[in-house]
Amino acid sequence: MGFHYPDALEKHNWVAGGLDAYIYHITPTIVVKTVRPDRAPKEKATGHPLLKEIAFFKRLNERQDRCPHIIECFLMLPDHLFLSYCTHKSLAPRFYERQEREPVKNGGLGRLIRVKEYEDPALIARWIQQLTYALEYVEKMGFCHNDLHASNCLLDGNFNLKLTDFGRATTIGQMLEGVFPPRAKPILAGPLQRTYGLCSARTEQFAVGTLLYFMVYGHEPYDDVILGASEWDRRFGEMEFPELNRNEVFDGLISACWYDVYPTMALVAYDLKRKTKDMVSNAEDIFIDSKKETKTCEALVRRGLLGPELALSFQPAWRRYLHAIVKRSVSIWQCFLRC
């Protein structure tokens, strides 16, 4: 299968993108996620992360209950996702803007010099509670997220966290792939030696610990030194973690996640909520009328947002039938003229 990538989307504001997909802001409350046209050769389309994400959202939207801390998906098409727009975007820039780093020529991130300002612990407590609640929900579905980092944690208008990007989500028990230190810990002995193990609460909570470290300390572990891949594996495989000395409650939780204390993500969420309940600053959830937003998405496709072919598929049956008749008539007339 190949992907359908309409040029019309490029007329809208580009808001984010990664190795596999771009995201465009099409209404004040809706974004469209679509495959990057330069990263989707036809022979590799069947294994594209966007297809895994679409499959995840199909499972999610079949459920009767809802999780307020997972990004809302309004419409799924074979190669597009219509998602809720989060006003304050992702956590990542909020922290990187507070860092001082050595300049580098290629525009990337140089070695960390210092953190100029730290985040409010009350907000960190809110975000880590909301994140682990979302991961508990994902676990109940039988999945692991497998790609936990600050860029995949969005903030809505009330600064509530929404977990996004499920392109690496897989069923519990699959091999963890494409995730490395500091978000994964290699296994140094046994039948799974030289891998990062099976996707489970062990792998998810380790990534939670690293993300919580990022929020509390304002940078990734060992960001003040330059480590090669083998040294990353050695340090984290041998449990050689950075010193924890900023906040007794958060430090204890980071350590517990790094040392695989919790057997399930439900227990991670429970313990985090219990230990941070006196720290957290709560905020109202923003109500989203999903049915209304879905109708808006369908109307946009019908008006040609994703090109004429998809627009036609969203037209009433009588219009599609009329279009087929006209197209066939034109084809017959052209054939007649050639003869």
Protein backbone atom coordinates (compact mmCIF):
# COMPACT_ATOMS: atom_id res chain seq x y z
CA MET A 1 0.00 0.00 0.00
CA GLY A 2 1.09 3.59 -0.63
CA PHE A 3 0.19 6.72 1.27
CA HIS A 4 -2.07 9.52 0.06
CA TYR A 5 -0.41 12.88 0.73
CA PRO A 6 -2.38 15.95 -0.43
CA ASP A 7 -0.49 19.17 -1.15
CA ALA A 8 -3.49 21.13 0.20
CA LEU A 9 -2.41 20.40 3.78
CA GLU A 10 0.77 22.42 3.28
CA LYS A 11 -1.32 25.58 3.01
CA HIS A 12 -2.04 25.26 6.73
CA ASN A 13 0.29 26.03 9.62
CA TRP A 14 2.90 23.34 10.27
CA VAL A 15 3.01 22.86 14.06
CA ALA A 16 5.20 19.80 14.64
CA GLY A 17 6.98 16.95 12.94
CA GLY A 18 9.31 14.04 13.52
CA LEU A 19 11.06 11.35 11.55
CA ASP A 20 7.84 9.86 10.21
CA ALA A 21 5.00 12.41 10.27
CA TYR A 22 4.03 16.08 10.03
CA ILE A 23 1.24 17.82 11.92
CA TYR A 24 -0.78 20.74 10.51
CA HIS A 25 -3.07 23.10 12.42
CA ILE A 26 -6.31 23.32 10.40
CA THR A 27 -8.85 24.87 12.84
CA PRO A 28 -8.45 26.51 16.25
CA THR A 29 -9.10 23.13 17.94
CA ILE A 30 -8.00 20.49 15.37
CA VAL A 31 -4.73 19.29 13.86
CA VAL A 32 -4.10 16.71 11.14
CA LYS A 33 -1.25 14.23 11.42
CA THR A 34 -0.03 12.81 8.14
CA VAL A 35 2.96 10.86 6.86
CA ARG A 36 6.05 12.79 5.76
CA PRO A 37 6.11 12.63 1.98
CA ASP A 38 9.90 12.18 1.94
CA ARG A 39 9.85 9.25 4.39
CA ALA A 40 7.13 6.98 2.98
CA PRO A 41 8.37 4.89 0.03
CA LYS A 42 5.66 2.51 -1.11
CA GLU A 43 7.64 -0.60 -0.29
CA LYS A 44 7.85 0.40 3.39
CA ALA A 45 4.39 1.87 3.86
CA THR A 46 2.90 -1.20 5.52
CA GLY A 47 5.28 -0.89 8.48
CA HIS A 48 4.92 2.86 8.95
CA PRO A 49 4.39 4.07 12.57
CA LEU A 50 1.35 6.10 11.50
CA LEU A 51 -0.47 2.85 10.68
CA LYS A 52 0.33 1.51 14.16
CA GLU A 53 -0.99 4.73 15.66
CA ILE A 54 -4.21 4.51 13.64
CA ALA A 55 -4.68 0.90 14.83
CA PHE A 56 -4.17 2.03 18.43
CA PHE A 57 -6.75 4.82 18.16
CA LYS A 58 -9.26 2.42 16.61
CA ARG A 59 -8.93 0.21 19.68
CA LEU A 60 -9.08 3.25 21.96
CA ASN A 61 -12.23 4.66 20.38
CA GLU A 62 -14.01 1.32 20.67
CA ARG A 63 -13.92 1.58 24.46
CA GLN A 64 -16.87 2.89 26.44
CA ASP A 65 -14.78 4.74 29.01
CA ARG A 66 -12.49 7.65 28.22
CA CYS A 67 -9.11 8.80 29.54
CA PRO A 68 -8.90 12.61 29.82
CA HIS A 69 -5.10 12.53 29.65
CA ILE A 70 -4.79 10.88 26.24
CA ILE A 71 -5.04 13.12 23.19
CA GLU A 72 -8.49 13.03 21.58
CA CYS A 73 -8.77 11.49 18.09
CA PHE A 74 -11.80 12.73 16.14
CA LEU A 75 -11.39 11.02 12.78
CA MET A 76 -9.17 8.21 11.44
CA LEU A 77 -8.50 7.74 7.74
CA PRO A 78 -6.11 5.21 6.15
CA ASP A 79 -3.22 7.70 6.31
CA HIS A 80 -4.44 10.69 8.34
CA LEU A 81 -5.38 11.34 11.96
CA PHE A 82 -7.51 14.29 13.08
CA LEU A 83 -6.50 15.12 16.64
CA SER A 84 -7.25 17.70 19.32
CA TYR A 85 -4.99 20.76 19.27
CA CYS A 86 -3.20 21.59 22.54
CA THR A 87 -2.66 25.33 23.00
CA HIS A 88 0.59 25.13 24.94
CA LYS A 89 2.09 22.41 22.74
CA SER A 90 4.64 20.01 24.25
CA LEU A 91 6.57 20.00 27.51
CA ALA A 92 9.95 19.89 25.77
CA PRO A 93 10.47 23.54 24.73
CA ARG A 94 9.29 24.75 28.14
CA PHE A 95 12.37 23.07 29.67
CA TYR A 96 14.89 23.60 26.88
CA GLU A 97 14.25 27.35 26.93
CA ARG A 98 15.51 27.40 30.53
CA GLN A 99 18.82 25.76 29.72
CA GLU A 100 22.17 27.30 28.86
CA ARG A 101 24.18 25.12 26.47
CA GLU A 102 27.40 25.21 24.53
CA PRO A 103 26.82 26.42 20.96
CA VAL A 104 27.13 23.88 18.16
CA LYS A 105 27.52 24.50 14.43
CA ASN A 106 24.75 22.19 13.18
CA GLY A 107 22.02 23.84 15.27
CA GLY A 108 21.57 20.83 17.57
CA LEU A 109 21.82 20.70 21.35
CA GLY A 110 25.29 21.29 22.73
CA ARG A 111 26.56 20.15 26.11
CA LEU A 112 24.53 21.47 29.04
CA ILE A 113 26.21 24.27 31.00
CA ARG A 114 23.49 25.03 33.54
CA VAL A 115 19.75 25.18 34.16
CA LYS A 116 18.68 28.81 34.57
CA GLU A 117 15.28 28.13 36.14
CA TYR A 118 13.49 25.06 37.54
CA GLU A 119 9.85 24.08 37.10
CA ASP A 120 7.20 24.56 39.78
CA PRO A 121 6.96 21.26 41.77
CA ALA A 122 3.16 21.64 41.94
CA LEU A 123 2.97 21.53 38.13
CA ILE A 124 5.40 18.61 37.95
CA ALA A 125 3.21 16.71 40.43
CA ARG A 126 0.13 17.39 38.27
CA TRP A 127 1.83 16.30 35.06
CA ILE A 128 3.35 13.10 36.43
CA GLN A 129 0.01 12.12 37.98
CA GLN A 130 -1.78 12.72 34.67
CA LEU A 131 0.89 10.89 32.68
CA THR A 132 0.85 7.77 34.86
CA TYR A 133 -2.96 7.77 34.88
CA ALA A 134 -2.82 7.68 31.06
CA LEU A 135 -0.24 4.88 31.10
CA GLU A 136 -2.37 2.87 33.53
CA TYR A 137 -5.24 3.20 31.04
CA VAL A 138 -2.99 2.14 28.14
CA GLU A 139 -1.89 -0.87 30.20
CA LYS A 140 -5.55 -1.88 30.74
CA MET A 141 -5.88 -1.92 26.95
CA GLY A 142 -2.99 -4.39 26.81
CA PHE A 143 -0.46 -1.92 25.37
CA CYS A 144 2.75 -0.12 26.24
CA HIS A 145 3.37 3.37 24.85
CA ASN A 146 7.12 2.74 24.34
CA ASP A 147 8.04 6.32 23.40
CA LEU A 148 7.79 8.41 26.56
CA HIS A 149 9.57 11.74 26.43
CA ALA A 150 8.73 15.42 26.88
CA SER A 151 7.91 16.02 23.19
CA ASN A 152 5.10 13.44 23.42
CA CYS A 153 3.48 15.14 26.42
CA LEU A 154 1.24 18.00 25.30
CA LEU A 155 -0.29 20.77 27.41
CA ASP A 156 -3.83 22.03 26.84
CA GLY A 157 -5.16 25.52 27.60
CA ASN A 158 -5.29 24.77 31.35
CA PHE A 159 -1.80 23.22 31.37
CA ASN A 160 -3.17 19.70 31.75
CA LEU A 161 -1.06 16.95 30.22
CA LYS A 162 -2.21 14.92 27.21
CA LEU A 163 -0.19 11.87 26.15
CA THR A 164 0.26 11.65 22.38
CA ASP A 165 2.17 9.83 19.60
CA PHE A 166 1.31 6.13 19.73
CA GLY A 167 3.35 5.14 16.68
CA ARG A 168 5.51 2.81 18.78
CA ALA A 169 2.67 1.45 20.93
CA THR A 170 2.70 -2.35 20.98
CA THR A 171 0.99 -5.09 22.91
CA ILE A 172 2.59 -6.05 26.19
CA GLY A 173 5.19 -8.80 25.80
CA GLN A 174 6.70 -7.69 22.47
CA MET A 175 10.41 -6.85 22.24
CA LEU A 176 11.20 -3.22 23.04
CA GLU A 177 12.77 -1.70 19.92
CA GLY A 178 13.85 1.77 18.87
CA VAL A 179 14.21 3.03 22.47
CA PHE A 180 17.61 3.55 24.10
CA PRO A 181 19.19 5.03 27.25
CA PRO A 182 18.29 7.20 29.05
CA ARG A 183 14.72 5.95 28.39
CA ALA A 184 15.55 2.26 28.45
CA LYS A 185 17.89 0.01 30.39
CA PRO A 186 19.80 -2.73 28.52
CA ILE A 187 19.85 -6.30 29.81
CA LEU A 188 23.43 -7.47 30.35
CA ALA A 189 22.91 -11.20 31.04
CA GLY A 190 20.48 -14.06 30.44
CA PRO A 191 18.42 -15.10 27.38
CA LEU A 192 17.55 -11.46 26.55
CA GLN A 193 21.14 -10.23 26.80
CA ARG A 194 22.02 -7.25 24.58
CA THR A 195 18.35 -6.26 24.23
CA TYR A 196 16.13 -3.87 26.15
CA GLY A 197 13.75 -6.65 27.13
CA LEU A 198 10.04 -7.16 26.63
CA CYS A 199 7.57 -4.28 26.67
CA SER A 200 6.01 -4.23 30.11
CA ALA A 201 5.61 -2.18 33.27
CA ARG A 202 9.36 -2.63 33.71
CA THR A 203 10.18 -0.75 30.51
CA GLU A 204 7.40 1.83 30.86
CA GLN A 205 8.23 2.82 34.43
CA PHE A 206 11.91 3.19 33.59
CA ALA A 207 10.98 5.78 30.95
CA VAL A 208 8.65 7.46 33.47
CA GLY A 209 11.57 7.76 35.89
CA THR A 210 13.71 9.43 33.23
CA LEU A 211 10.91 11.80 32.23
CA LEU A 212 10.32 12.75 35.87
CA TYR A 213 14.08 13.34 36.23
CA PHE A 214 13.92 15.67 33.20
CA MET A 215 11.09 17.69 34.77
CA VAL A 216 12.65 17.90 38.24
CA TYR A 217 16.27 18.54 37.21
CA GLY A 218 15.50 20.53 34.05
CA HIS A 219 17.59 18.34 31.74
CA GLU A 220 18.14 14.73 30.66
CA PRO A 221 20.43 12.46 32.72
CA TYR A 222 24.13 13.05 32.00
CA ASP A 223 23.30 16.01 29.75
CA ASP A 224 26.41 17.82 31.01
CA VAL A 225 28.75 15.23 29.46
CA ILE A 226 29.00 13.68 26.01
CA LEU A 227 28.41 9.92 26.11
CA GLY A 228 28.74 7.40 23.29
CA ALA A 229 26.15 4.66 22.78
CA SER A 230 28.30 1.97 24.46
CA GLU A 231 28.89 4.16 27.52
CA TRP A 232 25.15 4.89 27.79
CA ASP A 233 24.48 1.14 27.75
CA ARG A 234 27.20 0.44 30.31
CA ARG A 235 26.09 3.09 32.81
CA PHE A 236 22.39 2.32 32.67
CA GLY A 237 22.87 -1.45 32.35
CA GLU A 238 25.01 -1.41 35.50
CA MET A 239 22.50 0.88 37.26
CA GLU A 240 24.97 3.77 37.35
CA PHE A 241 22.47 6.61 37.54
CA PRO A 242 22.98 10.33 38.18
CA GLU A 243 22.90 11.56 41.77
CA LEU A 244 19.42 12.45 43.06
CA ASN A 245 19.41 15.39 45.47
CA ARG A 246 16.75 17.95 44.55
CA ASN A 247 13.41 16.81 46.00
CA GLU A 248 12.97 13.96 48.47
CA VAL A 249 9.56 12.87 47.16
CA PHE A 250 10.40 13.11 43.46
CA ASP A 251 13.87 11.61 43.95
CA GLY A 252 12.36 8.58 45.68
CA LEU A 253 9.89 8.09 42.83
CA ILE A 254 12.57 8.45 40.15
CA SER A 255 14.72 5.86 41.92
CA ALA A 256 11.77 3.47 42.35
CA CYS A 257 11.01 3.63 38.61
CA TRP A 258 14.66 3.18 37.63
CA TYR A 259 15.01 0.17 39.94
CA ASP A 260 11.77 -1.50 38.69
CA VAL A 261 9.92 -1.43 42.02
CA TYR A 262 6.38 -1.55 40.62
CA PRO A 263 4.89 -4.70 39.02
CA THR A 264 2.22 -2.76 37.08
CA MET A 265 1.65 0.76 35.79
CA ALA A 266 -1.50 0.86 37.93
CA LEU A 267 0.73 0.67 41.00
CA VAL A 268 3.05 3.34 39.56
CA ALA A 269 0.05 5.66 39.15
CA TYR A 270 -1.28 4.83 42.63
CA ASP A 271 2.01 5.42 44.42
CA LEU A 272 2.80 8.62 42.52
CA LYS A 273 -0.63 10.03 43.32
CA ARG A 274 -0.37 9.00 46.98
CA LYS A 275 3.06 10.56 47.47
CA THR A 276 2.41 13.81 45.57
CA LYS A 277 -1.17 14.53 46.69
CA ASP A 278 -0.03 17.33 49.03
CA MET A 279 2.13 18.92 46.34
CA VAL A 280 -0.13 18.96 43.31
CA SER A 281 -1.94 21.98 41.86
CA ASN A 282 -5.05 20.77 40.04
CA ALA A 283 -6.88 22.42 37.15
CA GLU A 284 -10.25 21.93 35.45
CA ASP A 285 -10.35 19.60 32.45
CA ILE A 286 -11.34 21.37 29.23
CA PHE A 287 -14.55 19.88 27.81
CA ILE A 288 -14.27 18.63 24.22
CA ASP A 289 -17.42 17.91 22.21
CA SER A 290 -16.04 14.96 20.25
CA LYS A 291 -19.14 14.42 18.11
CA LYS A 292 -19.16 18.05 17.03
CA GLU A 293 -15.44 18.00 16.25
CA THR A 294 -15.81 14.79 14.25
CA LYS A 295 -18.52 16.41 12.10
CA THR A 296 -16.21 19.38 11.54
CA CYS A 297 -13.42 17.03 10.40
CA GLU A 298 -15.75 15.23 8.00
CA ALA A 299 -16.95 18.54 6.58
CA LEU A 300 -13.36 19.65 5.97
CA VAL A 301 -12.58 16.43 4.09
CA ARG A 302 -15.82 16.76 2.12
CA ARG A 303 -14.78 20.28 1.06
CA GLY A 304 -11.47 18.99 -0.31
CA LEU A 305 -8.95 19.36 2.53
CA LEU A 306 -7.32 16.04 1.62
CA GLY A 307 -7.90 16.13 -2.12
CA PRO A 308 -10.77 15.33 -4.52
CA GLU A 309 -10.77 11.53 -4.11
CA LEU A 310 -11.30 11.59 -0.36
CA ALA A 311 -13.71 14.50 -0.75
CA LEU A 312 -15.87 12.36 -3.01
CA SER A 313 -15.89 9.45 -0.54
CA PHE A 314 -17.47 11.75 2.06
CA GLN A 315 -20.23 12.94 -0.29
CA PRO A 316 -23.81 11.59 -0.07
CA ALA A 317 -24.45 8.33 -1.94
CA TRP A 318 -26.51 10.02 -4.68
CA ARG A 319 -23.66 12.43 -5.46
CA ARG A 320 -21.09 9.62 -5.65
CA TYR A 321 -23.45 7.72 -7.98
CA LEU A 322 -23.90 10.81 -10.18
CA HIS A 323 -20.16 11.34 -10.29
CA ALA A 324 -19.63 7.73 -11.40
CA ILE A 325 -22.19 8.13 -14.19
CA VAL A 326 -20.59 11.35 -15.43
CA LYS A 327 -17.12 9.83 -15.30
CA ARG A 328 -18.27 6.77 -17.25
CA SER A 329 -20.04 8.95 -19.83
CA VAL A 330 -16.90 11.04 -20.36
CA SER A 331 -14.85 7.86 -20.76
CA ILE A 332 -17.26 6.49 -23.38
CA TRP A 333 -17.29 9.79 -25.28
CA GLN A 334 -13.47 9.96 -25.34
CA CYS A 335 -13.34 6.40 -26.61
CA PHE A 336 -15.87 7.28 -29.33
CA LEU A 337 -13.79 10.29 -30.42
CA ARG A 338 -10.65 8.19 -30.70
CA CYS A 339 -12.46 5.74 -32.94
